[in-house]
PDB file of N, CA and C in Angstrom:
ATOM      1  N   MET A   1      95.089  79.365  98.877  1.00  0.00           N
ATOM      2  CA  MET A   1      95.059  80.772  98.521  1.00  0.00           C
ATOM      3  C   MET A   1      95.196  81.625  99.777  1.00  0.00           C
ATOM      4  N   SER A   2      96.073  82.580  99.711  1.00  0.00           N
ATOM      5  CA  SER A   2      96.230  83.477 100.849  1.00  0.00           C
ATOM      6  C   SER A   2      95.570  84.807 100.528  1.00  0.00           C
ATOM      7  N   GLU A   3      95.306  85.575 101.564  1.00  0.00           N
ATOM      8  CA  GLU A   3      94.699  86.888 101.346  1.00  0.00           C
ATOM      9  C   GLU A   3      95.615  87.778 100.533  1.00  0.00           C
ATOM     10  N   GLN A   4      96.923  87.532 100.644  1.00  0.00           N
ATOM     11  CA  GLN A   4      97.884  88.322  99.887  1.00  0.00           C
ATOM     12  C   GLN A   4      97.693  88.099  98.385  1.00  0.00           C
ATOM     13  N   ASP A   5      97.320  86.888  98.011  1.00  0.00           N
ATOM     14  CA  ASP A   5      97.153  86.549  96.603  1.00  0.00           C
ATOM     15  C   ASP A   5      95.838  87.045  96.030  1.00  0.00           C
ATOM     16  N   LEU A   6      94.894  87.327  96.880  1.00  0.00           N
ATOM     17  CA  LEU A   6      93.544  87.632  96.412  1.00  0.00           C
ATOM     18  C   LEU A   6      93.128  89.050  96.743  1.00  0.00           C
ATOM     19  N   HIS A   7      92.340  89.589  95.853  1.00  0.00           N
ATOM     20  CA  HIS A   7      91.668  90.857  96.147  1.00  0.00           C
ATOM     21  C   HIS A   7      90.219  90.483  96.386  1.00  0.00           C
ATOM     22  N   ILE A   8      89.763  90.605  97.596  1.00  0.00           N
ATOM     23  CA  ILE A   8      88.444  90.103  97.951  1.00  0.00           C
ATOM     24  C   ILE A   8      87.454  91.268  98.025  1.00  0.00           C
ATOM     25  N   LEU A   9      86.359  91.102  97.320  1.00  0.00           N
ATOM     26  CA  LEU A   9      85.312  92.109  97.345  1.00  0.00           C
ATOM     27  C   LEU A   9      84.051  91.475  97.896  1.00  0.00           C
ATOM     28  N   LYS A  10      83.384  92.184  98.754  1.00  0.00           N
ATOM     29  CA  LYS A  10      82.109  91.704  99.271  1.00  0.00           C
ATOM     30  C   LYS A  10      81.039  92.746  98.953  1.00  0.00           C
ATOM     31  N   THR A  11      79.819  92.292  98.914  1.00  0.00           N
ATOM     32  CA  THR A  11      78.740  93.218  98.606  1.00  0.00           C
ATOM     33  C   THR A  11      78.304  94.009  99.827  1.00  0.00           C
ATOM     34  N   SER A  12      78.819  93.655 100.966  1.00  0.00           N
ATOM     35  CA  SER A  12      78.400  94.324 102.186  1.00  0.00           C
ATOM     36  C   SER A  12      79.197  95.611 102.407  1.00  0.00           C
ATOM     37  N   ALA A  13      78.914  96.285 103.499  1.00  0.00           N
ATOM     38  CA  ALA A  13      79.594  97.532 103.831  1.00  0.00           C
ATOM     39  C   ALA A  13      81.049  97.301 104.221  1.00  0.00           C
ATOM     40  N   GLU A  14      81.482  96.042 104.243  1.00  0.00           N
ATOM     41  CA  GLU A  14      82.859  95.736 104.586  1.00  0.00           C
ATOM     42  C   GLU A  14      83.828  96.062 103.452  1.00  0.00           C
ATOM     43  N   SER A  15      83.315  96.406 102.290  1.00  0.00           N
ATOM     44  CA  SER A  15      84.187  96.730 101.166  1.00  0.00           C
ATOM     45  C   SER A  15      85.144  97.847 101.545  1.00  0.00           C
ATOM     46  N   ASP A  16      86.356  97.773 100.973  1.00  0.00           N
ATOM     47  CA  ASP A  16      87.393  98.752 101.300  1.00  0.00           C
ATOM     48  C   ASP A  16      86.974 100.178 100.938  1.00  0.00           C
ATOM     49  N   THR A  17      86.375 100.330  99.771  1.00  0.00           N
ATOM     50  CA  THR A  17      86.001 101.663  99.313  1.00  0.00           C
ATOM     51  C   THR A  17      84.639 101.613  98.647  1.00  0.00           C
ATOM     52  N   ASP A  18      84.080 102.789  98.414  1.00  0.00           N
ATOM     53  CA  ASP A  18      82.817 102.849  97.686  1.00  0.00           C
ATOM     54  C   ASP A  18      82.986 102.316  96.270  1.00  0.00           C
ATOM     55  N   VAL A  19      84.180 102.522  95.689  1.00  0.00           N
ATOM     56  CA  VAL A  19      84.420 102.041  94.333  1.00  0.00           C
ATOM     57  C   VAL A  19      84.358 100.522  94.300  1.00  0.00           C
ATOM     58  N   ASP A  20      85.025  99.873  95.263  1.00  0.00           N
ATOM     59  CA  ASP A  20      84.969  98.417  95.351  1.00  0.00           C
ATOM     60  C   ASP A  20      83.525  97.942  95.450  1.00  0.00           C
ATOM     61  N   ARG A  21      82.769  98.615  96.304  1.00  0.00           N
ATOM     62  CA  ARG A  21      81.386  98.207  96.530  1.00  0.00           C
ATOM     63  C   ARG A  21      80.568  98.379  95.246  1.00  0.00           C
ATOM     64  N   LYS A  22      80.755  99.492  94.554  1.00  0.00           N
ATOM     65  CA  LYS A  22      79.995  99.729  93.326  1.00  0.00           C
ATOM     66  C   LYS A  22      80.357  98.716  92.248  1.00  0.00           C
ATOM     67  N   ILE A  23      81.658  98.452  92.103  1.00  0.00           N
ATOM     68  CA  ILE A  23      82.083  97.492  91.091  1.00  0.00           C
ATOM     69  C   ILE A  23      81.571  96.100  91.430  1.00  0.00           C
ATOM     70  N   SER A  24      81.690  95.714  92.690  1.00  0.00           N
ATOM     71  CA  SER A  24      81.246  94.374  93.067  1.00  0.00           C
ATOM     72  C   SER A  24      79.735  94.247  92.925  1.00  0.00           C
ATOM     73  N   GLU A  25      79.001  95.309  93.273  1.00  0.00           N
ATOM     74  CA  GLU A  25      77.549  95.265  93.109  1.00  0.00           C
ATOM     75  C   GLU A  25      77.173  95.153  91.637  1.00  0.00           C
ATOM     76  N   ARG A  26      77.905  95.861  90.781  1.00  0.00           N
ATOM     77  CA  ARG A  26      77.628  95.800  89.344  1.00  0.00           C
ATOM     78  C   ARG A  26      77.896  94.396  88.807  1.00  0.00           C
ATOM     79  N   LEU A  27      79.031  93.827  89.216  1.00  0.00           N
ATOM     80  CA  LEU A  27      79.357  92.482  88.748  1.00  0.00           C
ATOM     81  C   LEU A  27      78.346  91.465  89.263  1.00  0.00           C
ATOM     82  N   LEU A  28      77.930  91.615  90.511  1.00  0.00           N
ATOM     83  CA  LEU A  28      76.924  90.699  91.050  1.00  0.00           C
ATOM     84  C   LEU A  28      75.586  90.866  90.342  1.00  0.00           C
ATOM     85  N   SER A  29      75.246  92.102  89.954  1.00  0.00           N
ATOM     86  CA  SER A  29      73.980  92.281  89.234  1.00  0.00           C
ATOM     87  C   SER A  29      74.058  91.631  87.859  1.00  0.00           C
ATOM     88  N   ILE A  30      75.251  91.660  87.247  1.00  0.00           N
ATOM     89  CA  ILE A  30      75.438  90.966  85.972  1.00  0.00           C
ATOM     90  C   ILE A  30      75.273  89.466  86.171  1.00  0.00           C
ATOM     91  N   ILE A  31      75.846  88.949  87.256  1.00  0.00           N
ATOM     92  CA  ILE A  31      75.721  87.518  87.546  1.00  0.00           C
ATOM     93  C   ILE A  31      74.257  87.150  87.782  1.00  0.00           C
ATOM     94  N   GLU A  32      73.546  87.997  88.524  1.00  0.00           N
ATOM     95  CA  GLU A  32      72.128  87.743  88.760  1.00  0.00           C
ATOM     96  C   GLU A  32      71.350  87.734  87.450  1.00  0.00           C
ATOM     97  N   SER A  33      71.660  88.687  86.565  1.00  0.00           N
ATOM     98  CA  SER A  33      70.975  88.739  85.272  1.00  0.00           C
ATOM     99  C   SER A  33      71.297  87.519  84.430  1.00  0.00           C
ATOM    100  N   ALA A  34      72.558  87.111  84.460  1.00  0.00           N
ATOM    101  CA  ALA A  34      72.986  85.980  83.636  1.00  0.00           C
ATOM    102  C   ALA A  34      72.397  84.664  84.115  1.00  0.00           C
ATOM    103  N   THR A  35      72.219  84.539  85.415  1.00  0.00           N
ATOM    104  CA  THR A  35      71.757  83.271  85.972  1.00  0.00           C
ATOM    105  C   THR A  35      70.284  83.269  86.321  1.00  0.00           C
ATOM    106  N   GLY A  36      69.713  84.446  86.505  1.00  0.00           N
ATOM    107  CA  GLY A  36      68.338  84.522  86.962  1.00  0.00           C
ATOM    108  C   GLY A  36      68.196  84.172  88.426  1.00  0.00           C
ATOM    109  N   LEU A  37      69.324  84.119  89.146  1.00  0.00           N
ATOM    110  CA  LEU A  37      69.298  83.752  90.556  1.00  0.00           C
ATOM    111  C   LEU A  37      69.736  84.926  91.421  1.00  0.00           C
ATOM    112  N   PRO A  38      69.096  85.104  92.570  1.00  0.00           N
ATOM    113  CA  PRO A  38      69.538  86.170  93.474  1.00  0.00           C
ATOM    114  C   PRO A  38      70.837  85.774  94.166  1.00  0.00           C
ATOM    115  N   THR A  39      71.793  86.703  94.243  1.00  0.00           N
ATOM    116  CA  THR A  39      73.073  86.376  94.881  1.00  0.00           C
ATOM    117  C   THR A  39      73.081  86.731  96.359  1.00  0.00           C
ATOM    118  N   LYS A  40      72.166  87.582  96.801  1.00  0.00           N
ATOM    119  CA  LYS A  40      72.089  88.001  98.208  1.00  0.00           C
ATOM    120  C   LYS A  40      73.408  88.655  98.646  1.00  0.00           C
ATOM    121  N   THR A  41      73.645  88.699  99.920  1.00  0.00           N
ATOM    122  CA  THR A  41      74.843  89.378 100.408  1.00  0.00           C
ATOM    123  C   THR A  41      75.925  88.413 100.873  1.00  0.00           C
ATOM    124  N   ASP A  42      75.685  87.127 100.770  1.00  0.00           N
ATOM    125  CA  ASP A  42      76.701  86.170 101.235  1.00  0.00           C
ATOM    126  C   ASP A  42      77.598  85.690 100.100  1.00  0.00           C
ATOM    127  N   VAL A  43      77.595  86.405  98.996  1.00  0.00           N
ATOM    128  CA  VAL A  43      78.425  86.028  97.856  1.00  0.00           C
ATOM    129  C   VAL A  43      79.690  86.869  97.867  1.00  0.00           C
ATOM    130  N   SER A  44      80.825  86.222  97.700  1.00  0.00           N
ATOM    131  CA  SER A  44      82.097  86.925  97.636  1.00  0.00           C
ATOM    132  C   SER A  44      82.687  86.783  96.236  1.00  0.00           C
ATOM    133  N   LEU A  45      83.371  87.824  95.801  1.00  0.00           N
ATOM    134  CA  LEU A  45      84.065  87.785  94.517  1.00  0.00           C
ATOM    135  C   LEU A  45      85.557  87.754  94.797  1.00  0.00           C
ATOM    136  N   PHE A  46      86.251  86.829  94.181  1.00  0.00           N
ATOM    137  CA  PHE A  46      87.696  86.751  94.307  1.00  0.00           C
ATOM    138  C   PHE A  46      88.292  87.027  92.941  1.00  0.00           C
ATOM    139  N   VAL A  47      89.166  88.014  92.857  1.00  0.00           N
ATOM    140  CA  VAL A  47      89.750  88.382  91.581  1.00  0.00           C
ATOM    141  C   VAL A  47      91.252  88.156  91.662  1.00  0.00           C
ATOM    142  N   ARG A  48      91.776  87.342  90.743  1.00  0.00           N
ATOM    143  CA  ARG A  48      93.211  87.091  90.707  1.00  0.00           C
ATOM    144  C   ARG A  48      93.630  86.856  89.268  1.00  0.00           C
ATOM    145  N   ASN A  49      94.562  87.652  88.806  1.00  0.00           N
ATOM    146  CA  ASN A  49      95.068  87.504  87.435  1.00  0.00           C
ATOM    147  C   ASN A  49      93.944  87.460  86.405  1.00  0.00           C
ATOM    148  N   ARG A  50      93.041  88.398  86.531  1.00  0.00           N
ATOM    149  CA  ARG A  50      91.909  88.531  85.605  1.00  0.00           C
ATOM    150  C   ARG A  50      90.957  87.339  85.618  1.00  0.00           C
ATOM    151  N   VAL A  51      91.031  86.534  86.669  1.00  0.00           N
ATOM    152  CA  VAL A  51      90.081  85.431  86.829  1.00  0.00           C
ATOM    153  C   VAL A  51      89.201  85.758  88.020  1.00  0.00           C
ATOM    154  N   VAL A  52      87.908  85.739  87.811  1.00  0.00           N
ATOM    155  CA  VAL A  52      86.966  86.031  88.882  1.00  0.00           C
ATOM    156  C   VAL A  52      86.337  84.732  89.350  1.00  0.00           C
ATOM    157  N   THR A  53      86.445  84.474  90.635  1.00  0.00           N
ATOM    158  CA  THR A  53      85.781  83.323  91.237  1.00  0.00           C
ATOM    159  C   THR A  53      84.669  83.855  92.129  1.00  0.00           C
ATOM    160  N   VAL A  54      83.500  83.323  91.955  1.00  0.00           N
ATOM    161  CA  VAL A  54      82.369  83.742  92.759  1.00  0.00           C
ATOM    162  C   VAL A  54      81.958  82.563  93.626  1.00  0.00           C
ATOM    163  N   SER A  55      81.806  82.813  94.913  1.00  0.00           N
ATOM    164  CA  SER A  55      81.418  81.704  95.784  1.00  0.00           C
ATOM    165  C   SER A  55      80.373  82.160  96.787  1.00  0.00           C
ATOM    166  N   GLY A  56      79.653  81.188  97.308  1.00  0.00           N
ATOM    167  CA  GLY A  56      78.665  81.481  98.331  1.00  0.00           C
ATOM    168  C   GLY A  56      77.247  81.481  97.802  1.00  0.00           C
ATOM    169  N   GLY A  57      76.328  81.366  98.724  1.00  0.00           N
ATOM    170  CA  GLY A  57      74.917  81.471  98.374  1.00  0.00           C
ATOM    171  C   GLY A  57      74.465  80.437  97.360  1.00  0.00           C
ATOM    172  N   VAL A  58      73.490  80.828  96.558  1.00  0.00           N
ATOM    173  CA  VAL A  58      72.900  79.906  95.592  1.00  0.00           C
ATOM    174  C   VAL A  58      73.868  79.538  94.484  1.00  0.00           C
ATOM    175  N   LEU A  59      74.928  80.335  94.290  1.00  0.00           N
ATOM    176  CA  LEU A  59      75.834  80.068  93.183  1.00  0.00           C
ATOM    177  C   LEU A  59      76.598  78.764  93.368  1.00  0.00           C
ATOM    178  N   ASP A  60      76.731  78.308  94.606  1.00  0.00           N
ATOM    179  CA  ASP A  60      77.417  77.036  94.845  1.00  0.00           C
ATOM    180  C   ASP A  60      76.603  75.853  94.349  1.00  0.00           C
ATOM    181  N   LYS A  61      75.319  76.072  94.087  1.00  0.00           N
ATOM    182  CA  LYS A  61      74.430  74.964  93.745  1.00  0.00           C
ATOM    183  C   LYS A  61      74.144  74.857  92.250  1.00  0.00           C
ATOM    184  N   ILE A  62      74.779  75.698  91.423  1.00  0.00           N
ATOM    185  CA  ILE A  62      74.471  75.648  89.997  1.00  0.00           C
ATOM    186  C   ILE A  62      75.696  75.246  89.192  1.00  0.00           C
ATOM    187  N   ASP A  63      75.481  74.903  87.936  1.00  0.00           N
ATOM    188  CA  ASP A  63      76.536  74.452  87.045  1.00  0.00           C
ATOM    189  C   ASP A  63      77.457  75.624  86.706  1.00  0.00           C
ATOM    190  N   HIS A  64      78.696  75.557  87.172  1.00  0.00           N
ATOM    191  CA  HIS A  64      79.619  76.677  86.993  1.00  0.00           C
ATOM    192  C   HIS A  64      80.021  76.885  85.540  1.00  0.00           C
ATOM    193  N   VAL A  65      80.076  75.813  84.746  1.00  0.00           N
ATOM    194  CA  VAL A  65      80.425  75.959  83.338  1.00  0.00           C
ATOM    195  C   VAL A  65      79.364  76.795  82.631  1.00  0.00           C
ATOM    196  N   GLU A  66      78.118  76.488  82.915  1.00  0.00           N
ATOM    197  CA  GLU A  66      77.022  77.248  82.323  1.00  0.00           C
ATOM    198  C   GLU A  66      77.036  78.690  82.830  1.00  0.00           C
ATOM    199  N   LEU A  67      77.305  78.861  84.124  1.00  0.00           N
ATOM    200  CA  LEU A  67      77.366  80.199  84.702  1.00  0.00           C
ATOM    201  C   LEU A  67      78.443  81.028  84.019  1.00  0.00           C
ATOM    202  N   ILE A  68      79.626  80.464  83.855  1.00  0.00           N
ATOM    203  CA  ILE A  68      80.738  81.195  83.248  1.00  0.00           C
ATOM    204  C   ILE A  68      80.403  81.578  81.816  1.00  0.00           C
ATOM    205  N   SER A  69      79.811  80.667  81.057  1.00  0.00           N
ATOM    206  CA  SER A  69      79.481  80.997  79.669  1.00  0.00           C
ATOM    207  C   SER A  69      78.432  82.105  79.608  1.00  0.00           C
ATOM    208  N   ARG A  70      77.469  82.075  80.513  1.00  0.00           N
ATOM    209  CA  ARG A  70      76.451  83.139  80.541  1.00  0.00           C
ATOM    210  C   ARG A  70      77.063  84.481  80.932  1.00  0.00           C
ATOM    211  N   ILE A  71      77.967  84.447  81.908  1.00  0.00           N
ATOM    212  CA  ILE A  71      78.591  85.700  82.342  1.00  0.00           C
ATOM    213  C   ILE A  71      79.443  86.282  81.224  1.00  0.00           C
ATOM    214  N   ARG A  72      80.199  85.436  80.534  1.00  0.00           N
ATOM    215  CA  ARG A  72      81.055  85.916  79.443  1.00  0.00           C
ATOM    216  C   ARG A  72      80.252  86.570  78.335  1.00  0.00           C
ATOM    217  N   GLU A  73      79.032  86.103  78.121  1.00  0.00           N
ATOM    218  CA  GLU A  73      78.184  86.642  77.063  1.00  0.00           C
ATOM    219  C   GLU A  73      77.524  87.959  77.474  1.00  0.00           C
ATOM    220  N   THR A  74      77.628  88.322  78.732  1.00  0.00           N
ATOM    221  CA  THR A  74      76.958  89.519  79.231  1.00  0.00           C
ATOM    222  C   THR A  74      77.815  90.751  78.948  1.00  0.00           C
ATOM    223  N   PRO A  75      77.245  91.785  78.302  1.00  0.00           N
ATOM    224  CA  PRO A  75      78.011  92.989  77.991  1.00  0.00           C
ATOM    225  C   PRO A  75      78.559  93.664  79.249  1.00  0.00           C
ATOM    226  N   GLY A  76      79.766  94.183  79.152  1.00  0.00           N
ATOM    227  CA  GLY A  76      80.349  94.951  80.242  1.00  0.00           C
ATOM    228  C   GLY A  76      81.194  94.154  81.217  1.00  0.00           C
ATOM    229  N   VAL A  77      81.201  92.834  81.104  1.00  0.00           N
ATOM    230  CA  VAL A  77      81.923  92.021  82.087  1.00  0.00           C
ATOM    231  C   VAL A  77      83.425  92.243  81.983  1.00  0.00           C
ATOM    232  N   LYS A  78      83.978  92.195  80.769  1.00  0.00           N
ATOM    233  CA  LYS A  78      85.426  92.326  80.603  1.00  0.00           C
ATOM    234  C   LYS A  78      85.921  93.664  81.151  1.00  0.00           C
ATOM    235  N   ARG A  79      85.179  94.719  80.880  1.00  0.00           N
ATOM    236  CA  ARG A  79      85.574  96.052  81.343  1.00  0.00           C
ATOM    237  C   ARG A  79      85.603  96.107  82.873  1.00  0.00           C
ATOM    238  N   ILE A  80      84.627  95.501  83.509  1.00  0.00           N
ATOM    239  CA  ILE A  80      84.582  95.501  84.976  1.00  0.00           C
ATOM    240  C   ILE A  80      85.736  94.688  85.545  1.00  0.00           C
ATOM    241  N   ILE A  81      85.998  93.522  84.958  1.00  0.00           N
ATOM    242  CA  ILE A  81      87.101  92.690  85.442  1.00  0.00           C
ATOM    243  C   ILE A  81      88.427  93.425  85.245  1.00  0.00           C
ATOM    244  N   ASP A  82      88.583  94.102  84.113  1.00  0.00           N
ATOM    245  CA  ASP A  82      89.813  94.868  83.875  1.00  0.00           C
ATOM    246  C   ASP A  82      89.988  95.948  84.929  1.00  0.00           C
ATOM    247  N   ARG A  83      88.915  96.636  85.279  1.00  0.00           N
ATOM    248  CA  ARG A  83      89.000  97.684  86.307  1.00  0.00           C
ATOM    249  C   ARG A  83      89.396  97.101  87.655  1.00  0.00           C
ATOM    250  N   LEU A  84      88.852  95.934  87.972  1.00  0.00           N
ATOM    251  CA  LEU A  84      89.199  95.298  89.244  1.00  0.00           C
ATOM    252  C   LEU A  84      90.670  94.902  89.273  1.00  0.00           C
ATOM    253  N   THR A  85      91.143  94.279  88.196  1.00  0.00           N
ATOM    254  CA  THR A  85      92.499  93.752  88.210  1.00  0.00           C
ATOM    255  C   THR A  85      93.540  94.853  88.047  1.00  0.00           C
ATOM    256  N   ASP A  86      93.186  95.956  87.426  1.00  0.00           N
ATOM    257  CA  ASP A  86      94.127  97.068  87.286  1.00  0.00           C
ATOM    258  C   ASP A  86      94.481  97.675  88.631  1.00  0.00           C
ATOM    259  N   ARG A  87      93.598  97.533  89.615  1.00  0.00           N
ATOM    260  CA  ARG A  87      93.816  98.169  90.917  1.00  0.00           C
ATOM    261  C   ARG A  87      94.505  97.245  91.918  1.00  0.00           C
ATOM    262  N   GLN A  88      94.850  96.050  91.499  1.00  0.00           N
ATOM    263  CA  GLN A  88      95.476  95.116  92.451  1.00  0.00           C
ATOM    264  C   GLN A  88      96.924  95.474  92.677  1.00  0.00           C
TER     265      GLN A  88
END
């Protein structure tokens, strides 16, 4: 994967814009709610073709199939992903 292919959002102040930061923080809070695990600031979100990959931190240590099913069941996820991918 190249940087050209990915739109990378981080929860830190390195985000391109305040909008990116707000959206990524919202998505991470949904992930935290869905998993019950803190994501901290070392988690990155990769969005490509409406597919969100989350990596880093405690999320690398849990069952991703279960994580994905929990995230999909969380209200507001599709709308956030659509907003992210519309801006690519």
